[in-house]
PDB file of N, CA and C in Angstrom:
ATOM      1  N   MET A   1       0.610  -1.214  -0.139  1.00  0.00           N
ATOM      2  CA  MET A   1       0.115   0.326  -0.088  1.00  0.00           C
ATOM      3  C   MET A   1       0.808   1.090  -0.404  1.00  0.00           C
ATOM      4  N   LEU A   2       1.629   0.801   0.871  1.00  0.00           N
ATOM      5  CA  LEU A   2       2.702   2.033   0.832  1.00  0.00           C
ATOM      6  C   LEU A   2       3.446   2.766  -0.380  1.00  0.00           C
ATOM      7  N   ARG A   3       4.177   1.089  -0.912  1.00  0.00           N
ATOM      8  CA  ARG A   3       4.418   1.613  -2.163  1.00  0.00           C
ATOM      9  C   ARG A   3       3.990   2.241  -3.326  1.00  0.00           C
ATOM     10  N   ASP A   4       2.517   1.601  -3.833  1.00  0.00           N
ATOM     11  CA  ASP A   4       1.172   2.115  -4.147  1.00  0.00           C
ATOM     12  C   ASP A   4       1.263   3.845  -3.997  1.00  0.00           C
ATOM     13  N   GLN A   5       1.224   4.268  -3.073  1.00  0.00           N
ATOM     14  CA  GLN A   5       1.499   5.728  -2.361  1.00  0.00           C
ATOM     15  C   GLN A   5       2.003   6.475  -2.863  1.00  0.00           C
ATOM     16  N   LEU A   6       3.088   5.453  -3.324  1.00  0.00           N
ATOM     17  CA  LEU A   6       5.056   6.902  -2.994  1.00  0.00           C
ATOM     18  C   LEU A   6       4.842   6.845  -4.654  1.00  0.00           C
ATOM     19  N   ASN A   7       4.665   5.317  -5.132  1.00  0.00           N
ATOM     20  CA  ASN A   7       4.672   5.779  -7.015  1.00  0.00           C
ATOM     21  C   ASN A   7       3.983   7.008  -7.491  1.00  0.00           C
ATOM     22  N   ALA A   8       2.162   6.732  -6.313  1.00  0.00           N
ATOM     23  CA  ALA A   8       1.561   7.657  -7.056  1.00  0.00           C
ATOM     24  C   ALA A   8       1.771   9.060  -6.835  1.00  0.00           C
ATOM     25  N   LEU A   9       3.034   9.474  -6.162  1.00  0.00           N
ATOM     26  CA  LEU A   9       3.111  10.568  -6.070  1.00  0.00           C
ATOM     27  C   LEU A   9       4.337  10.867  -6.945  1.00  0.00           C
ATOM     28  N   LEU A  10       5.409   9.508  -7.571  1.00  0.00           N
ATOM     29  CA  LEU A  10       6.323   9.818  -8.138  1.00  0.00           C
ATOM     30  C   LEU A  10       5.714  10.282  -9.518  1.00  0.00           C
ATOM     31  N   ASP A  11       4.495   9.579  -9.708  1.00  0.00           N
ATOM     32  CA  ASP A  11       3.514   9.971 -11.419  1.00  0.00           C
ATOM     33  C   ASP A  11       3.103  11.522 -11.228  1.00  0.00           C
ATOM     34  N   HIS A  12       2.528  11.851  -9.990  1.00  0.00           N
ATOM     35  CA  HIS A  12       1.894  13.528  -9.851  1.00  0.00           C
ATOM     36  C   HIS A  12       3.440  14.217 -10.348  1.00  0.00           C
ATOM     37  N   ALA A  13       4.351  13.601  -9.414  1.00  0.00           N
ATOM     38  CA  ALA A  13       5.101  14.610  -9.799  1.00  0.00           C
ATOM     39  C   ALA A  13       5.737  15.017 -11.265  1.00  0.00           C
ATOM     40  N   ARG A  14       5.728  14.586 -11.635  1.00  0.00           N
ATOM     41  CA  ARG A  14       5.745  14.454 -13.796  1.00  0.00           C
ATOM     42  C   ARG A  14       4.966  15.604 -14.018  1.00  0.00           C
ATOM     43  N   GLU A  15       3.819  16.521 -13.006  1.00  0.00           N
ATOM     44  CA  GLU A  15       2.677  17.251 -14.128  1.00  0.00           C
ATOM     45  C   GLU A  15       3.502  18.421 -13.379  1.00  0.00           C
ATOM     46  N   PRO A  16       2.939  19.709 -14.450  1.00  0.00           N
ATOM     47  CA  PRO A  16       3.695  20.611 -14.448  1.00  0.00           C
ATOM     48  C   PRO A  16       2.988  21.708 -12.927  1.00  0.00           C
ATOM     49  N   HIS A  17       2.434  21.361 -13.044  1.00  0.00           N
ATOM     50  CA  HIS A  17       1.641  22.368 -12.272  1.00  0.00           C
ATOM     51  C   HIS A  17       2.104  22.143 -10.661  1.00  0.00           C
ATOM     52  N   ILE A  18       2.430  20.268 -10.883  1.00  0.00           N
ATOM     53  CA  ILE A  18       2.428  19.941  -9.089  1.00  0.00           C
ATOM     54  C   ILE A  18       4.405  20.628  -9.249  1.00  0.00           C
ATOM     55  N   ASP A  19       3.789  21.073  -6.894  1.00  0.00           N
ATOM     56  CA  ASP A  19       5.456  21.288  -6.747  1.00  0.00           C
ATOM     57  C   ASP A  19       5.351  20.745  -6.077  1.00  0.00           C
ATOM     58  N   LEU A  20       6.522  19.228  -6.089  1.00  0.00           N
ATOM     59  CA  LEU A  20       6.852  18.651  -4.716  1.00  0.00           C
ATOM     60  C   LEU A  20       7.775  18.922  -3.799  1.00  0.00           C
ATOM     61  N   SER A  21       7.680  18.998  -2.500  1.00  0.00           N
ATOM     62  CA  SER A  21       8.434  18.814  -1.686  1.00  0.00           C
ATOM     63  C   SER A  21       8.439  17.868  -0.591  1.00  0.00           C
ATOM     64  N   VAL A  22       9.636  17.338  -0.274  1.00  0.00           N
ATOM     65  CA  VAL A  22       9.777  15.840   0.849  1.00  0.00           C
ATOM     66  C   VAL A  22      10.219  16.657   1.973  1.00  0.00           C
ATOM     67  N   ILE A  23       9.464  16.777   3.769  1.00  0.00           N
ATOM     68  CA  ILE A  23      10.616  16.743   4.545  1.00  0.00           C
ATOM     69  C   ILE A  23      11.137  15.895   5.393  1.00  0.00           C
ATOM     70  N   PRO A  24      12.353  15.656   5.496  1.00  0.00           N
ATOM     71  CA  PRO A  24      13.459  14.953   6.062  1.00  0.00           C
ATOM     72  C   PRO A  24      12.812  14.376   7.318  1.00  0.00           C
ATOM     73  N   THR A  25      12.277  13.068   7.355  1.00  0.00           N
ATOM     74  CA  THR A  25      12.489  12.731   9.097  1.00  0.00           C
ATOM     75  C   THR A  25      13.131  12.848  10.090  1.00  0.00           C
ATOM     76  N   ASN A  26      14.145  13.460   9.589  1.00  0.00           N
ATOM     77  CA  ASN A  26      15.476  13.825  11.110  1.00  0.00           C
ATOM     78  C   ASN A  26      14.826  15.303  11.317  1.00  0.00           C
ATOM     79  N   ILE A  27      13.977  15.853  10.865  1.00  0.00           N
ATOM     80  CA  ILE A  27      13.837  17.509  10.655  1.00  0.00           C
ATOM     81  C   ILE A  27      13.229  17.625  13.060  1.00  0.00           C
ATOM     82  N   ASP A  28      13.550  18.307  13.182  1.00  0.00           N
ATOM     83  CA  ASP A  28      12.997  18.176  14.927  1.00  0.00           C
ATOM     84  C   ASP A  28      11.862  19.434  15.146  1.00  0.00           C
ATOM     85  N   GLY A  29      10.834  18.418  14.476  1.00  0.00           N
ATOM     86  CA  GLY A  29       9.215  19.675  14.475  1.00  0.00           C
ATOM     87  C   GLY A  29       9.470  20.862  13.373  1.00  0.00           C
ATOM     88  N   TYR A  30       8.448  21.342  13.498  1.00  0.00           N
ATOM     89  CA  TYR A  30       8.355  22.625  12.483  1.00  0.00           C
ATOM     90  C   TYR A  30       7.843  23.646  13.199  1.00  0.00           C
ATOM     91  N   PRO A  31       8.679  25.068  12.766  1.00  0.00           N
ATOM     92  CA  PRO A  31       8.656  26.257  12.945  1.00  0.00           C
ATOM     93  C   PRO A  31       6.970  26.890  13.709  1.00  0.00           C
ATOM     94  N   GLY A  32       7.115  26.878  14.410  1.00  0.00           N
ATOM     95  CA  GLY A  32       5.841  27.285  14.713  1.00  0.00           C
ATOM     96  C   GLY A  32       4.715  26.254  14.141  1.00  0.00           C
ATOM     97  N   VAL A  33       4.680  25.828  13.915  1.00  0.00           N
ATOM     98  CA  VAL A  33       3.119  24.568  13.947  1.00  0.00           C
ATOM     99  C   VAL A  33       2.993  23.106  15.008  1.00  0.00           C
ATOM    100  N   SER A  34       2.121  22.964  15.494  1.00  0.00           N
ATOM    101  CA  SER A  34       1.572  22.458  16.200  1.00  0.00           C
ATOM    102  C   SER A  34       0.826  20.811  15.950  1.00  0.00           C
ATOM    103  N   PHE A  35      -0.031  21.575  14.828  1.00  0.00           N
ATOM    104  CA  PHE A  35      -0.920  20.972  14.812  1.00  0.00           C
ATOM    105  C   PHE A  35      -0.672  20.937  13.066  1.00  0.00           C
ATOM    106  N   GLY A  36      -1.937  19.945  12.060  1.00  0.00           N
ATOM    107  CA  GLY A  36      -2.056  20.406  10.803  1.00  0.00           C
ATOM    108  C   GLY A  36      -3.038  21.290  10.539  1.00  0.00           C
ATOM    109  N   PHE A  37      -2.771  21.822   9.168  1.00  0.00           N
ATOM    110  CA  PHE A  37      -3.538  22.562   8.237  1.00  0.00           C
ATOM    111  C   PHE A  37      -3.323  22.598   7.245  1.00  0.00           C
ATOM    112  N   VAL A  38      -4.498  23.308   6.682  1.00  0.00           N
ATOM    113  CA  VAL A  38      -4.466  22.818   5.051  1.00  0.00           C
ATOM    114  C   VAL A  38      -4.925  24.613   4.496  1.00  0.00           C
ATOM    115  N   ILE A  39      -4.171  25.116   3.466  1.00  0.00           N
ATOM    116  CA  ILE A  39      -4.658  26.743   3.035  1.00  0.00           C
ATOM    117  C   ILE A  39      -4.933  26.368   1.503  1.00  0.00           C
ATOM    118  N   LEU A  40      -6.368  26.775   1.884  1.00  0.00           N
ATOM    119  CA  LEU A  40      -7.301  26.562   0.447  1.00  0.00           C
ATOM    120  C   LEU A  40      -7.378  27.808  -0.179  1.00  0.00           C
ATOM    121  N   GLU A  41      -7.123  28.278  -1.876  1.00  0.00           N
ATOM    122  CA  GLU A  41      -6.891  28.958  -2.835  1.00  0.00           C
ATOM    123  C   GLU A  41      -7.745  28.750  -3.753  1.00  0.00           C
ATOM    124  N   PHE A  42      -8.796  30.010  -4.115  1.00  0.00           N
ATOM    125  CA  PHE A  42      -9.202  29.530  -5.550  1.00  0.00           C
ATOM    126  C   PHE A  42      -8.729  30.443  -6.423  1.00  0.00           C
ATOM    127  N   ALA A  43      -9.267  29.749  -7.947  1.00  0.00           N
ATOM    128  CA  ALA A  43      -8.675  29.966  -9.491  1.00  0.00           C
ATOM    129  C   ALA A  43      -9.540  32.177  -9.471  1.00  0.00           C
ATOM    130  N   ASP A  44     -10.794  31.921  -8.660  1.00  0.00           N
ATOM    131  CA  ASP A  44     -11.170  33.485  -8.657  1.00  0.00           C
ATOM    132  C   ASP A  44     -10.577  34.084  -7.765  1.00  0.00           C
ATOM    133  N   ARG A  45      -9.734  35.094  -8.026  1.00  0.00           N
ATOM    134  CA  ARG A  45      -8.685  35.823  -6.747  1.00  0.00           C
ATOM    135  C   ARG A  45     -10.265  37.002  -6.104  1.00  0.00           C
ATOM    136  N   ARG A  46     -11.094  36.987  -6.619  1.00  0.00           N
ATOM    137  CA  ARG A  46     -12.192  37.728  -5.839  1.00  0.00           C
ATOM    138  C   ARG A  46     -12.345  37.068  -4.251  1.00  0.00           C
ATOM    139  N   ASP A  47     -11.691  35.442  -4.196  1.00  0.00           N
ATOM    140  CA  ASP A  47     -12.611  35.071  -3.260  1.00  0.00           C
ATOM    141  C   ASP A  47     -11.142  35.059  -2.288  1.00  0.00           C
ATOM    142  N   SER A  48     -11.046  35.266  -1.263  1.00  0.00           N
ATOM    143  CA  SER A  48      -9.819  34.697  -0.400  1.00  0.00           C
ATOM    144  C   SER A  48      -9.363  34.031  -0.366  1.00  0.00           C
ATOM    145  N   PRO A  49      -7.928  33.715   0.456  1.00  0.00           N
ATOM    146  CA  PRO A  49      -7.854  32.073   0.739  1.00  0.00           C
ATOM    147  C   PRO A  49      -8.603  31.641   2.241  1.00  0.00           C
ATOM    148  N   ILE A  50      -8.743  30.050   2.213  1.00  0.00           N
ATOM    149  CA  ILE A  50      -9.003  30.239   3.657  1.00  0.00           C
ATOM    150  C   ILE A  50      -7.763  28.861   4.517  1.00  0.00           C
ATOM    151  N   VAL A  51      -7.703  28.626   5.427  1.00  0.00           N
ATOM    152  CA  VAL A  51      -7.010  28.087   6.057  1.00  0.00           C
ATOM    153  C   VAL A  51      -7.776  27.280   6.968  1.00  0.00           C
ATOM    154  N   PHE A  52      -8.030  26.035   7.053  1.00  0.00           N
ATOM    155  CA  PHE A  52      -8.438  24.858   8.224  1.00  0.00           C
ATOM    156  C   PHE A  52      -7.262  24.540   8.965  1.00  0.00           C
ATOM    157  N   HIS A  53      -7.699  24.208  10.552  1.00  0.00           N
ATOM    158  CA  HIS A  53      -6.562  23.981  10.716  1.00  0.00           C
ATOM    159  C   HIS A  53      -7.164  22.453  12.096  1.00  0.00           C
ATOM    160  N   ASP A  54      -6.628  22.376  12.076  1.00  0.00           N
ATOM    161  CA  ASP A  54      -7.224  20.930  13.688  1.00  0.00           C
ATOM    162  C   ASP A  54      -7.007  21.725  15.122  1.00  0.00           C
ATOM    163  N   GLN A  55      -8.437  21.884  16.266  1.00  0.00           N
ATOM    164  CA  GLN A  55      -8.080  22.367  17.247  1.00  0.00           C
ATOM    165  C   GLN A  55      -8.620  21.416  18.610  1.00  0.00           C
ATOM    166  N   HIS A  56      -8.015  20.663  19.211  1.00  0.00           N
ATOM    167  CA  HIS A  56      -8.480  20.107  20.151  1.00  0.00           C
ATOM    168  C   HIS A  56      -9.449  19.107  19.994  1.00  0.00           C
ATOM    169  N   GLY A  57      -9.267  18.686  18.653  1.00  0.00           N
ATOM    170  CA  GLY A  57     -10.461  17.351  17.740  1.00  0.00           C
ATOM    171  C   GLY A  57     -11.353  17.717  16.955  1.00  0.00           C
ATOM    172  N   SER A  58     -11.482  19.117  17.100  1.00  0.00           N
ATOM    173  CA  SER A  58     -12.132  19.864  15.890  1.00  0.00           C
ATOM    174  C   SER A  58     -11.596  20.771  14.736  1.00  0.00           C
ATOM    175  N   HIS A  59     -12.011  20.724  13.471  1.00  0.00           N
ATOM    176  CA  HIS A  59     -11.796  21.705  12.993  1.00  0.00           C
ATOM    177  C   HIS A  59     -12.414  22.713  12.895  1.00  0.00           C
ATOM    178  N   VAL A  60     -11.555  23.820  12.737  1.00  0.00           N
ATOM    179  CA  VAL A  60     -11.432  25.156  12.780  1.00  0.00           C
ATOM    180  C   VAL A  60     -10.973  26.061  11.460  1.00  0.00           C
ATOM    181  N   ALA A  61     -11.954  26.599  10.869  1.00  0.00           N
ATOM    182  CA  ALA A  61     -11.921  27.423  10.037  1.00  0.00           C
ATOM    183  C   ALA A  61     -10.576  28.922  10.156  1.00  0.00           C
ATOM    184  N   ALA A  62      -9.809  29.460   9.800  1.00  0.00           N
ATOM    185  CA  ALA A  62      -9.272  31.075   9.717  1.00  0.00           C
ATOM    186  C   ALA A  62      -9.501  31.723   8.357  1.00  0.00           C
ATOM    187  N   GLU A  63     -10.237  32.646   8.230  1.00  0.00           N
ATOM    188  CA  GLU A  63     -10.499  33.764   7.451  1.00  0.00           C
ATOM    189  C   GLU A  63     -10.120  35.038   7.637  1.00  0.00           C
ATOM    190  N   SER A  64      -9.550  36.020   8.182  1.00  0.00           N
ATOM    191  CA  SER A  64      -8.540  36.559   8.520  1.00  0.00           C
ATOM    192  C   SER A  64      -7.461  36.924   7.597  1.00  0.00           C
ATOM    193  N   PRO A  65      -7.381  37.624   7.002  1.00  0.00           N
ATOM    194  CA  PRO A  65      -6.039  38.127   6.138  1.00  0.00           C
ATOM    195  C   PRO A  65      -4.838  37.682   7.017  1.00  0.00           C
ATOM    196  N   ASP A  66      -4.907  38.571   7.872  1.00  0.00           N
ATOM    197  CA  ASP A  66      -4.078  38.527   9.440  1.00  0.00           C
ATOM    198  C   ASP A  66      -3.568  36.863   9.347  1.00  0.00           C
ATOM    199  N   GLU A  67      -4.597  36.101   9.758  1.00  0.00           N
ATOM    200  CA  GLU A  67      -4.734  34.758  10.186  1.00  0.00           C
ATOM    201  C   GLU A  67      -4.342  33.990   9.352  1.00  0.00           C
ATOM    202  N   VAL A  68      -4.240  34.050   7.980  1.00  0.00           N
ATOM    203  CA  VAL A  68      -3.755  33.028   6.945  1.00  0.00           C
ATOM    204  C   VAL A  68      -2.687  33.858   6.725  1.00  0.00           C
ATOM    205  N   LYS A  69      -2.401  35.665   6.471  1.00  0.00           N
ATOM    206  CA  LYS A  69      -0.816  35.515   6.615  1.00  0.00           C
ATOM    207  C   LYS A  69       0.059  34.629   7.784  1.00  0.00           C
ATOM    208  N   ARG A  70      -0.270  34.194   8.623  1.00  0.00           N
ATOM    209  CA  ARG A  70       0.331  33.568   9.428  1.00  0.00           C
ATOM    210  C   ARG A  70       0.659  32.100   9.095  1.00  0.00           C
ATOM    211  N   TYR A  71      -0.500  31.910   8.597  1.00  0.00           N
ATOM    212  CA  TYR A  71      -0.211  30.120   7.893  1.00  0.00           C
ATOM    213  C   TYR A  71       0.400  30.064   6.801  1.00  0.00           C
ATOM    214  N   PHE A  72       0.779  31.736   5.940  1.00  0.00           N
ATOM    215  CA  PHE A  72       1.382  31.509   4.753  1.00  0.00           C
ATOM    216  C   PHE A  72       3.254  31.365   4.942  1.00  0.00           C
ATOM    217  N   LYS A  73       3.168  32.218   6.203  1.00  0.00           N
ATOM    218  CA  LYS A  73       4.425  32.621   6.738  1.00  0.00           C
ATOM    219  C   LYS A  73       4.972  30.912   7.174  1.00  0.00           C
ATOM    220  N   SER A  74       4.162  30.090   8.075  1.00  0.00           N
ATOM    221  CA  SER A  74       4.568  28.790   8.686  1.00  0.00           C
ATOM    222  C   SER A  74       4.547  28.069   7.451  1.00  0.00           C
ATOM    223  N   PHE A  75       3.941  28.227   6.546  1.00  0.00           N
ATOM    224  CA  PHE A  75       3.960  27.112   5.500  1.00  0.00           C
ATOM    225  C   PHE A  75       6.062  27.480   4.190  1.00  0.00           C
ATOM    226  N   ASP A  76       5.937  28.752   4.373  1.00  0.00           N
ATOM    227  CA  ASP A  76       6.933  28.460   3.500  1.00  0.00           C
ATOM    228  C   ASP A  76       8.162  28.342   4.554  1.00  0.00           C
ATOM    229  N   GLN A  77       7.988  28.554   5.815  1.00  0.00           N
ATOM    230  CA  GLN A  77       8.874  27.722   6.886  1.00  0.00           C
ATOM    231  C   GLN A  77       9.201  26.495   6.311  1.00  0.00           C
ATOM    232  N   ILE A  78       7.896  26.069   6.358  1.00  0.00           N
ATOM    233  CA  ILE A  78       7.953  24.531   6.296  1.00  0.00           C
ATOM    234  C   ILE A  78       8.787  23.931   5.447  1.00  0.00           C
ATOM    235  N   ARG A  79       8.151  25.024   4.441  1.00  0.00           N
ATOM    236  CA  ARG A  79       8.897  24.477   2.365  1.00  0.00           C
ATOM    237  C   ARG A  79      10.430  24.605   2.472  1.00  0.00           C
ATOM    238  N   SER A  80      10.679  25.527   3.004  1.00  0.00           N
ATOM    239  CA  SER A  80      12.274  25.723   3.025  1.00  0.00           C
ATOM    240  C   SER A  80      13.445  24.651   3.712  1.00  0.00           C
ATOM    241  N   LEU A  81      12.917  23.572   5.104  1.00  0.00           N
ATOM    242  CA  LEU A  81      13.197  22.736   5.175  1.00  0.00           C
ATOM    243  C   LEU A  81      13.338  21.039   4.289  1.00  0.00           C
ATOM    244  N   GLY A  82      12.712  21.618   3.419  1.00  0.00           N
ATOM    245  CA  GLY A  82      12.250  20.187   2.108  1.00  0.00           C
ATOM    246  C   GLY A  82      13.031  20.277   1.370  1.00  0.00           C
ATOM    247  N   LEU A  83      13.082  18.603   0.671  1.00  0.00           N
ATOM    248  CA  LEU A  83      14.166  18.213  -0.365  1.00  0.00           C
ATOM    249  C   LEU A  83      13.103  19.047  -1.719  1.00  0.00           C
ATOM    250  N   HIS A  84      13.339  19.480  -2.560  1.00  0.00           N
ATOM    251  CA  HIS A  84      12.663  20.001  -3.707  1.00  0.00           C
ATOM    252  C   HIS A  84      13.386  19.073  -5.366  1.00  0.00           C
ATOM    253  N   GLY A  85      12.474  19.014  -6.133  1.00  0.00           N
ATOM    254  CA  GLY A  85      13.548  18.239  -7.645  1.00  0.00           C
ATOM    255  C   GLY A  85      13.466  17.188  -7.332  1.00  0.00           C
ATOM    256  N   ALA A  86      14.534  17.006  -7.953  1.00  0.00           N
ATOM    257  CA  ALA A  86      15.591  15.594  -8.115  1.00  0.00           C
ATOM    258  C   ALA A  86      15.883  15.408  -6.113  1.00  0.00           C
ATOM    259  N   ASP A  87      15.979  15.275  -6.049  1.00  0.00           N
ATOM    260  CA  ASP A  87      16.670  15.256  -4.178  1.00  0.00           C
ATOM    261  C   ASP A  87      15.203  15.540  -3.875  1.00  0.00           C
ATOM    262  N   ALA A  88      13.890  15.520  -3.830  1.00  0.00           N
ATOM    263  CA  ALA A  88      12.797  15.076  -3.483  1.00  0.00           C
ATOM    264  C   ALA A  88      12.121  13.445  -4.360  1.00  0.00           C
ATOM    265  N   ILE A  89      12.473  13.973  -5.210  1.00  0.00           N
ATOM    266  CA  ILE A  89      12.427  12.843  -6.484  1.00  0.00           C
ATOM    267  C   ILE A  89      13.139  11.553  -6.004  1.00  0.00           C
ATOM    268  N   ALA A  90      14.232  11.605  -5.357  1.00  0.00           N
ATOM    269  CA  ALA A  90      15.162  10.616  -4.944  1.00  0.00           C
ATOM    270  C   ALA A  90      15.325  10.355  -3.342  1.00  0.00           C
ATOM    271  N   ALA A  91      14.364  10.992  -2.698  1.00  0.00           N
ATOM    272  CA  ALA A  91      14.023  10.601  -1.287  1.00  0.00           C
ATOM    273  C   ALA A  91      12.842   9.810  -1.857  1.00  0.00           C
ATOM    274  N   ILE A  92      11.555   9.835  -2.167  1.00  0.00           N
ATOM    275  CA  ILE A  92      10.645   9.352  -2.209  1.00  0.00           C
ATOM    276  C   ILE A  92      10.921   7.699  -2.881  1.00  0.00           C
ATOM    277  N   LYS A  93      11.523   7.712  -4.226  1.00  0.00           N
ATOM    278  CA  LYS A  93      12.134   6.347  -4.645  1.00  0.00           C
ATOM    279  C   LYS A  93      13.177   5.628  -3.194  1.00  0.00           C
ATOM    280  N   ALA A  94      13.709   6.513  -2.691  1.00  0.00           N
ATOM    281  CA  ALA A  94      14.451   4.984  -1.562  1.00  0.00           C
ATOM    282  C   ALA A  94      13.367   4.610  -0.375  1.00  0.00           C
ATOM    283  N   ALA A  95      12.548   5.930  -0.297  1.00  0.00           N
ATOM    284  CA  ALA A  95      11.554   5.010   0.601  1.00  0.00           C
ATOM    285  C   ALA A  95      10.983   4.545   0.438  1.00  0.00           C
ATOM    286  N   ARG A  96      10.348   4.191  -1.039  1.00  0.00           N
ATOM    287  CA  ARG A  96       9.797   3.135  -1.799  1.00  0.00           C
ATOM    288  C   ARG A  96      10.420   2.323  -1.849  1.00  0.00           C
ATOM    289  N   ASP A  97      11.526   1.926  -2.275  1.00  0.00           N
ATOM    290  CA  ASP A  97      12.713   1.028  -2.152  1.00  0.00           C
ATOM    291  C   ASP A  97      12.625  -0.119  -1.398  1.00  0.00           C
ATOM    292  N   LYS A  98      12.368   0.721   0.076  1.00  0.00           N
ATOM    293  CA  LYS A  98      12.465  -0.066   1.394  1.00  0.00           C
ATOM    294  C   LYS A  98      11.011  -0.355   1.993  1.00  0.00           C
ATOM    295  N   ALA A  99      10.010   0.576   1.431  1.00  0.00           N
ATOM    296  CA  ALA A  99       8.436   0.165   1.549  1.00  0.00           C
ATOM    297  C   ALA A  99       8.085  -1.382   1.555  1.00  0.00           C
ATOM    298  N   VAL A 100       7.261  -2.501   2.133  1.00  0.00           N
ATOM    299  CA  VAL A 100       7.412  -3.753   2.123  1.00  0.00           C
ATOM    300  C   VAL A 100       6.641  -3.643   0.954  1.00  0.00           C
TER     301      VAL A 100
END
């Protein structure tokens, strides 16, 4: 199952609109983030981005421009820790080859 998921990532990484990053497992936490979040951006720029995050077992939406800006900053910090391009592909292939 894991091998299939990693192969799917490798397939999608070939798409021109996909920018894949891999955060190494030896990174000690992510800056300023103690929970998962998703940033939704919309094709119509008149629609403002929204962030959904977990908080005490429930999902919370952040819509104010200042809140959303903080999440974009956290995302950029996390992304800066990652492997990109050929390094990301190599890391996924290595994980796939170790998967059972």
